[in-house]
Amino acid sequence: MENVSESVLYEGHDLARMHDVVAAQFAPHRLRLLGKPAAPARLLRSGTQGDIALYRLGHGAEVEIRPVPQHGSYLIHLPLAGRSSLVVDGEPVATTHDVVSPGQRLEIRRSHDNDMMIVRIPRPVLDRAVESHGITADRGAPVRFAPAVDSRCPGSRAWLRTLHAYAEAMQSGLLARSPLGARHFEQLLVHGLLDSQPSGLSESLRRSARHAALPSALRRAITYCEEHAAEPVSTADIALASRLSVPALRAAFRAHLDLTPLMYLRRVRLDAAHRDLVAIAEGRDDGTVTDVALRWGFVHLGRFAAFYKATYGMPPSSTAGLRDYPETARIRSACG
């Protein structure tokens, strides 16, 4: 298909000029030539009236690139030919497809025959998508994605296919002639990225998806439970946050979730305890099962163990990889 909407930003053998053009489009960077140029360098841009930018980049030589961390955009790299390696914040990325979040430090190495497609998503576009889920975007810290895109995962594989279809439609000129179509395509890509790629917001996004069809008062109650799970919470507190009476709150939970408000709160606390126990097992945190139980308001260890096993099919000590856990003991605290 003929590319009718692709502009040449640079094509030639002058790598110093290529360096300046790439820096203007992305970020200042140090470029080191590792071999003699084997082909012309080129940077192409496909344009629409939308927010997302699409580039094709090839240096025509083996190069090492160290960009200055940039804070305004997310970059998605999709190799089309040749070899490329990426180190993000000192950690090598094991996959060929990757997502770079604002503020991350990069070390890039590309072969002489590398042809790279790069998608740039401005941070405000992603922040708006986050807020459309009912989640307030942190203006100080951007959403951080796991850099590696695992194409073995069905969701990631489908998202990558959508991204390639978007690139084909953009390069053909179709999206330039259909601004509304371009906007819809961009929304699909941005929301697909949020839903398919692990990030610091993954758990919040899953909760948002589960709650999307619930009445607004019940969503307020659920949000309150999730945000205050580590605090002493009563049914009256939840009712006040939801702007319902206690009987109406109980009726809403029964009708839509088949739970009482405090049963739902217990489930939230069990989920939080489970995440902490997994972190201990994986070496990302330390502590004991007792520490975790008390942190999430379970003062009777035997009941905690019973609730946990009924939910996850194993005792909490097994999840954490710990032994000699007194699962029938009672812990007394100032709360009784």
Protein backbone atom coordinates (compact mmCIF):
# COMPACT_ATOMS: atom_id res chain seq x y z
CA MET A 1 0.00 0.00 0.00
CA GLU A 2 1.37 3.38 -0.95
CA ASN A 3 2.30 5.60 1.98
CA VAL A 4 0.56 8.89 1.30
CA SER A 5 0.74 10.37 4.77
CA GLU A 6 4.42 9.89 5.62
CA SER A 7 6.85 12.80 5.72
CA VAL A 8 10.63 12.47 5.54
CA LEU A 9 12.24 14.35 8.41
CA TYR A 10 15.73 13.24 7.40
CA GLU A 11 17.30 10.82 4.93
CA GLY A 12 21.00 10.74 4.15
CA HIS A 13 24.49 9.86 5.38
CA ASP A 14 25.10 12.81 7.71
CA LEU A 15 24.67 11.23 11.17
CA ALA A 16 25.38 14.55 12.88
CA ARG A 17 22.37 16.05 11.09
CA MET A 18 20.35 12.89 11.86
CA HIS A 19 21.29 13.29 15.54
CA ASP A 20 19.90 16.84 15.61
CA VAL A 21 16.64 15.86 13.90
CA VAL A 22 16.04 12.90 16.25
CA ALA A 23 16.84 15.08 19.27
CA ALA A 24 14.28 17.66 18.14
CA GLN A 25 11.56 15.00 17.79
CA PHE A 26 12.30 12.99 20.96
CA ALA A 27 14.98 14.13 23.42
CA PRO A 28 18.62 15.25 23.52
CA HIS A 29 20.87 12.20 23.46
CA ARG A 30 24.42 10.98 23.08
CA LEU A 31 24.94 9.02 19.88
CA ARG A 32 27.97 6.76 19.51
CA LEU A 33 28.83 5.15 16.19
CA LEU A 34 29.95 1.52 16.64
CA GLY A 35 30.64 0.68 12.99
CA LYS A 36 30.83 2.16 9.54
CA PRO A 37 27.52 3.31 8.03
CA ALA A 38 26.07 0.62 5.77
CA ALA A 39 23.00 2.48 4.52
CA PRO A 40 21.47 5.97 4.65
CA ALA A 41 19.99 7.06 7.97
CA ARG A 42 16.34 8.04 7.92
CA LEU A 43 13.59 9.35 10.15
CA LEU A 44 10.01 9.36 8.84
CA ARG A 45 6.88 10.61 10.53
CA SER A 46 3.30 9.61 9.76
CA GLY A 47 0.90 12.39 10.65
CA THR A 48 -2.79 12.77 11.45
CA GLN A 49 -4.82 15.40 13.22
CA GLY A 50 -4.75 13.29 16.40
CA ASP A 51 -2.49 13.28 19.44
CA ILE A 52 -0.40 10.15 18.84
CA ALA A 53 2.70 10.37 16.63
CA LEU A 54 4.15 7.50 14.63
CA TYR A 55 7.79 7.34 13.44
CA ARG A 56 10.06 5.04 11.45
CA LEU A 57 13.72 5.26 12.46
CA GLY A 58 16.87 3.66 11.11
CA HIS A 59 20.44 4.92 11.58
CA GLY A 60 21.99 2.80 8.81
CA ALA A 61 24.88 1.93 11.17
CA GLU A 62 25.40 0.12 14.44
CA VAL A 63 24.86 2.75 17.13
CA GLU A 64 24.61 3.22 20.88
CA ILE A 65 22.14 5.86 22.10
CA ARG A 66 21.84 7.34 25.58
CA PRO A 67 18.93 9.82 25.71
CA VAL A 68 18.36 12.41 28.40
CA PRO A 69 15.28 11.27 30.37
CA GLN A 70 12.19 12.93 28.90
CA HIS A 71 9.06 13.62 30.92
CA GLY A 72 6.35 14.50 28.44
CA SER A 73 5.58 11.27 26.57
CA TYR A 74 5.36 7.49 26.55
CA LEU A 75 7.35 5.76 23.80
CA ILE A 76 6.53 2.34 22.37
CA HIS A 77 9.23 0.61 20.32
CA LEU A 78 8.29 -2.02 17.73
CA PRO A 79 11.20 -3.47 15.73
CA LEU A 80 10.51 -4.19 12.07
CA ALA A 81 13.97 -5.43 11.06
CA GLY A 82 17.47 -5.90 12.46
CA ARG A 83 18.51 -6.16 16.09
CA SER A 84 17.95 -3.85 19.03
CA SER A 85 18.60 -4.02 22.78
CA LEU A 86 17.29 -1.75 25.52
CA VAL A 87 18.27 -1.13 29.13
CA VAL A 88 15.73 0.82 31.24
CA ASP A 89 16.85 2.28 34.57
CA GLY A 90 19.78 -0.14 34.60
CA GLU A 91 17.68 -3.27 33.88
CA PRO A 92 17.89 -5.04 30.49
CA VAL A 93 14.52 -5.49 28.77
CA ALA A 94 14.13 -9.11 27.70
CA THR A 95 11.52 -8.59 24.97
CA THR A 96 11.77 -6.98 21.54
CA HIS A 97 8.69 -4.79 22.08
CA ASP A 98 8.78 -2.29 24.92
CA VAL A 99 7.09 0.69 26.58
CA VAL A 100 9.19 3.53 28.00
CA SER A 101 7.55 5.73 30.63
CA PRO A 102 8.38 9.40 31.31
CA GLY A 103 11.52 9.99 33.35
CA GLN A 104 13.15 6.62 32.72
CA ARG A 105 16.85 6.33 31.85
CA LEU A 106 17.59 4.47 28.61
CA GLU A 107 20.58 2.76 27.03
CA ILE A 108 19.85 1.68 23.45
CA ARG A 109 21.92 -0.35 21.01
CA ARG A 110 20.80 -0.98 17.42
CA SER A 111 22.28 -2.88 14.50
CA HIS A 112 23.12 -1.30 11.15
CA ASP A 113 20.03 -2.85 9.53
CA ASN A 114 17.62 -1.98 12.34
CA ASP A 115 14.28 -0.50 11.29
CA MET A 116 12.24 0.67 14.26
CA MET A 117 8.66 1.87 14.52
CA ILE A 118 8.18 4.26 17.43
CA VAL A 119 4.82 5.40 18.77
CA ARG A 120 4.75 8.50 20.97
CA ILE A 121 1.80 9.07 23.33
CA PRO A 122 1.79 12.43 25.15
CA ARG A 123 1.43 12.06 28.90
CA PRO A 124 -1.73 14.25 29.11
CA VAL A 125 -3.47 11.85 26.70
CA LEU A 126 -2.75 8.89 28.97
CA ASP A 127 -3.67 10.89 32.09
CA ARG A 128 -7.08 11.68 30.58
CA ALA A 129 -7.61 7.99 29.87
CA VAL A 130 -6.77 7.15 33.49
CA GLU A 131 -9.23 9.76 34.76
CA SER A 132 -11.97 8.37 32.52
CA HIS A 133 -11.78 5.23 34.71
CA GLY A 134 -12.63 7.34 37.76
CA ILE A 135 -9.00 7.34 38.92
CA THR A 136 -7.29 10.66 39.65
CA ALA A 137 -4.01 10.90 37.75
CA ASP A 138 -1.01 11.87 39.87
CA ARG A 139 0.24 15.15 38.37
CA GLY A 140 3.61 14.71 40.08
CA ALA A 141 4.43 11.11 39.17
CA PRO A 142 3.52 9.57 35.80
CA VAL A 143 2.02 6.11 35.42
CA ARG A 144 4.94 3.67 35.20
CA PHE A 145 4.51 0.66 32.92
CA ALA A 146 6.56 -2.51 33.00
CA PRO A 147 8.93 -1.91 30.05
CA ALA A 148 8.72 -5.40 28.53
CA VAL A 149 5.67 -6.13 26.36
CA ASP A 150 5.11 -9.90 26.50
CA SER A 151 3.66 -10.90 23.12
CA ARG A 152 2.88 -14.38 24.53
CA CYS A 153 0.11 -12.79 26.60
CA PRO A 154 -3.19 -12.78 24.61
CA GLY A 155 -4.08 -9.23 25.68
CA SER A 156 -0.66 -7.85 24.73
CA ARG A 157 -0.68 -9.77 21.46
CA ALA A 158 -4.08 -8.33 20.52
CA TRP A 159 -2.93 -4.82 21.47
CA LEU A 160 0.19 -5.15 19.29
CA ARG A 161 -1.97 -6.25 16.34
CA THR A 162 -4.13 -3.18 16.89
CA LEU A 163 -1.03 -1.00 16.95
CA HIS A 164 0.19 -2.40 13.63
CA ALA A 165 -3.27 -1.90 12.11
CA TYR A 166 -3.20 1.70 13.33
CA ALA A 167 0.21 2.20 11.72
CA GLU A 168 -1.03 0.80 8.40
CA ALA A 169 -4.13 3.00 8.46
CA MET A 170 -2.07 6.07 9.35
CA GLN A 171 0.60 5.47 6.71
CA SER A 172 -2.04 4.94 4.05
CA GLY A 173 -3.48 8.40 4.65
CA LEU A 174 -6.86 7.02 5.74
CA LEU A 175 -6.70 8.51 9.23
CA ALA A 176 -5.62 11.90 7.86
CA ARG A 177 -8.87 11.94 5.89
CA SER A 178 -10.90 10.76 8.88
CA PRO A 179 -10.03 12.75 12.02
CA LEU A 180 -12.91 11.19 13.96
CA GLY A 181 -11.71 7.72 13.00
CA ALA A 182 -8.20 8.67 14.13
CA ARG A 183 -9.53 9.78 17.53
CA HIS A 184 -11.42 6.51 18.01
CA PHE A 185 -8.34 4.50 17.01
CA GLU A 186 -6.16 6.48 19.42
CA GLN A 187 -8.60 5.91 22.29
CA LEU A 188 -8.53 2.19 21.56
CA LEU A 189 -4.74 2.17 21.66
CA VAL A 190 -4.39 4.21 24.85
CA HIS A 191 -7.05 2.30 26.79
CA GLY A 192 -5.70 -0.97 25.41
CA LEU A 193 -2.25 -0.07 26.73
CA LEU A 194 -3.68 0.63 30.17
CA ASP A 195 -5.65 -2.62 30.20
CA SER A 196 -3.00 -4.96 28.73
CA GLN A 197 0.35 -3.72 30.03
CA PRO A 198 1.23 -4.12 33.75
CA SER A 199 1.66 -0.80 35.54
CA GLY A 200 1.46 0.80 38.96
CA LEU A 201 -2.26 1.36 38.28
CA SER A 202 -3.16 -2.19 37.22
CA GLU A 203 -4.96 -3.08 40.44
CA SER A 204 -6.90 0.21 40.50
CA LEU A 205 -7.92 -0.29 36.87
CA ARG A 206 -9.15 -3.83 37.60
CA ARG A 207 -11.24 -2.53 40.49
CA SER A 208 -12.62 0.24 38.30
CA ALA A 209 -13.65 -2.28 35.62
CA ARG A 210 -15.39 -4.48 38.18
CA HIS A 211 -17.33 -1.54 39.60
CA ALA A 212 -18.22 0.27 36.37
CA ALA A 213 -21.79 -1.08 36.16
CA LEU A 214 -22.66 -0.59 39.83
CA PRO A 215 -24.83 2.27 41.15
CA SER A 216 -22.85 5.37 42.03
CA ALA A 217 -23.68 5.16 45.75
CA LEU A 218 -22.39 1.57 45.87
CA ARG A 219 -19.24 2.57 43.99
CA ARG A 220 -18.62 5.26 46.60
CA ALA A 221 -19.01 2.68 49.36
CA ILE A 222 -16.64 0.27 47.64
CA THR A 223 -14.05 2.97 47.05
CA TYR A 224 -14.25 3.97 50.70
CA CYS A 225 -13.68 0.36 51.80
CA GLU A 226 -10.66 0.01 49.51
CA GLU A 227 -9.09 3.32 50.51
CA HIS A 228 -9.62 2.82 54.26
CA ALA A 229 -9.08 -0.95 54.56
CA ALA A 230 -6.15 -0.49 56.97
CA GLU A 231 -8.27 1.64 59.35
CA PRO A 232 -11.04 0.79 61.83
CA VAL A 233 -14.20 1.01 59.71
CA SER A 234 -17.83 0.48 60.71
CA THR A 235 -20.96 0.00 58.63
CA ALA A 236 -22.00 3.51 59.66
CA ASP A 237 -18.72 4.92 58.28
CA ILE A 238 -19.33 3.20 54.93
CA ALA A 239 -22.95 4.42 54.84
CA LEU A 240 -21.83 8.00 55.48
CA ALA A 241 -19.27 7.79 52.66
CA SER A 242 -21.84 6.32 50.25
CA ARG A 243 -24.51 8.93 51.21
CA LEU A 244 -26.97 6.12 52.00
CA SER A 245 -28.72 5.11 55.20
CA VAL A 246 -27.38 1.95 56.85
CA PRO A 247 -30.44 -0.15 55.80
CA ALA A 248 -30.21 1.16 52.20
CA LEU A 249 -26.47 0.43 52.15
CA ARG A 250 -27.02 -3.15 53.32
CA ALA A 251 -29.77 -3.62 50.74
CA ALA A 252 -27.51 -2.33 47.94
CA PHE A 253 -24.67 -4.67 48.88
CA ARG A 254 -27.06 -7.63 49.08
CA ALA A 255 -28.76 -6.83 45.77
CA HIS A 256 -25.60 -6.26 43.71
CA LEU A 257 -22.82 -8.21 45.46
CA ASP A 258 -24.68 -10.72 47.67
CA LEU A 259 -22.55 -9.56 50.60
CA THR A 260 -22.89 -7.35 53.64
CA PRO A 261 -20.73 -4.21 53.70
CA LEU A 262 -18.44 -5.71 56.36
CA MET A 263 -18.11 -8.96 54.41
CA TYR A 264 -16.97 -6.91 51.42
CA LEU A 265 -14.51 -4.99 53.62
CA ARG A 266 -13.12 -8.31 54.87
CA ARG A 267 -12.62 -9.46 51.28
CA VAL A 268 -10.70 -6.25 50.50
CA ARG A 269 -8.50 -6.80 53.54
CA LEU A 270 -7.89 -10.44 52.61
CA ASP A 271 -6.82 -9.37 49.11
CA ALA A 272 -4.40 -6.84 50.60
CA ALA A 273 -3.02 -9.44 53.02
CA HIS A 274 -2.59 -11.88 50.14
CA ARG A 275 -0.55 -9.33 48.16
CA ASP A 276 1.67 -8.71 51.18
CA LEU A 277 2.22 -12.45 51.73
CA VAL A 278 3.14 -12.94 48.08
CA ALA A 279 5.63 -10.06 48.40
CA ILE A 280 7.23 -11.84 51.38
CA ALA A 281 7.43 -15.11 49.43
CA GLU A 282 9.06 -13.35 46.46
CA GLY A 283 11.58 -11.53 48.67
CA ARG A 284 10.17 -8.08 47.88
CA ASP A 285 9.19 -7.56 51.54
CA ASP A 286 9.89 -9.13 54.89
CA GLY A 287 7.83 -9.80 58.01
CA THR A 288 5.63 -12.54 59.41
CA VAL A 289 2.10 -13.74 58.82
CA THR A 290 1.17 -12.22 62.17
CA ASP A 291 2.52 -8.84 61.03
CA VAL A 292 0.41 -9.00 57.89
CA ALA A 293 -2.73 -10.15 59.71
CA LEU A 294 -2.53 -7.32 62.24
CA ARG A 295 -1.73 -4.76 59.55
CA TRP A 296 -5.08 -5.52 57.92
CA GLY A 297 -7.16 -5.67 61.06
CA PHE A 298 -7.29 -9.45 61.71
CA VAL A 299 -6.69 -9.75 65.46
CA HIS A 300 -7.67 -13.43 65.71
CA LEU A 301 -5.12 -15.46 63.77
CA GLY A 302 -7.23 -18.61 63.69
CA ARG A 303 -10.13 -16.81 62.04
CA PHE A 304 -7.76 -15.06 59.67
CA ALA A 305 -6.29 -18.42 58.64
CA ALA A 306 -9.76 -19.91 58.12
CA PHE A 307 -10.99 -16.96 56.03
CA TYR A 308 -7.76 -16.96 54.03
CA LYS A 309 -7.82 -20.69 53.30
CA ALA A 310 -11.47 -20.54 52.24
CA THR A 311 -10.58 -17.77 49.78
CA TYR A 312 -7.20 -18.87 48.42
CA GLY A 313 -7.24 -22.64 49.05
CA MET A 314 -4.16 -22.68 51.28
CA PRO A 315 -3.11 -21.34 54.68
CA PRO A 316 -1.41 -17.94 54.75
CA SER A 317 1.85 -19.52 55.89
CA SER A 318 2.02 -21.51 52.62
CA THR A 319 1.60 -18.37 50.52
CA ALA A 320 4.37 -16.61 52.42
CA GLY A 321 6.62 -19.70 52.38
CA LEU A 322 6.89 -19.62 56.19
CA ARG A 323 6.79 -22.44 58.70
CA ASP A 324 5.68 -22.85 62.34
CA TYR A 325 2.91 -20.29 62.08
CA PRO A 326 0.58 -20.48 65.14
CA GLU A 327 -2.65 -20.41 63.11
CA THR A 328 -4.88 -21.10 66.12
CA ALA A 329 -3.36 -18.42 68.33
CA ARG A 330 -5.19 -15.27 69.36
CA ILE A 331 -3.46 -11.91 69.22
CA ARG A 332 -4.74 -9.26 71.58
CA SER A 333 -4.20 -5.60 70.88
CA ALA A 334 -5.55 -2.31 72.09
CA CYS A 335 -8.58 -2.93 69.82
CA GLY A 336 -9.47 -6.09 71.77
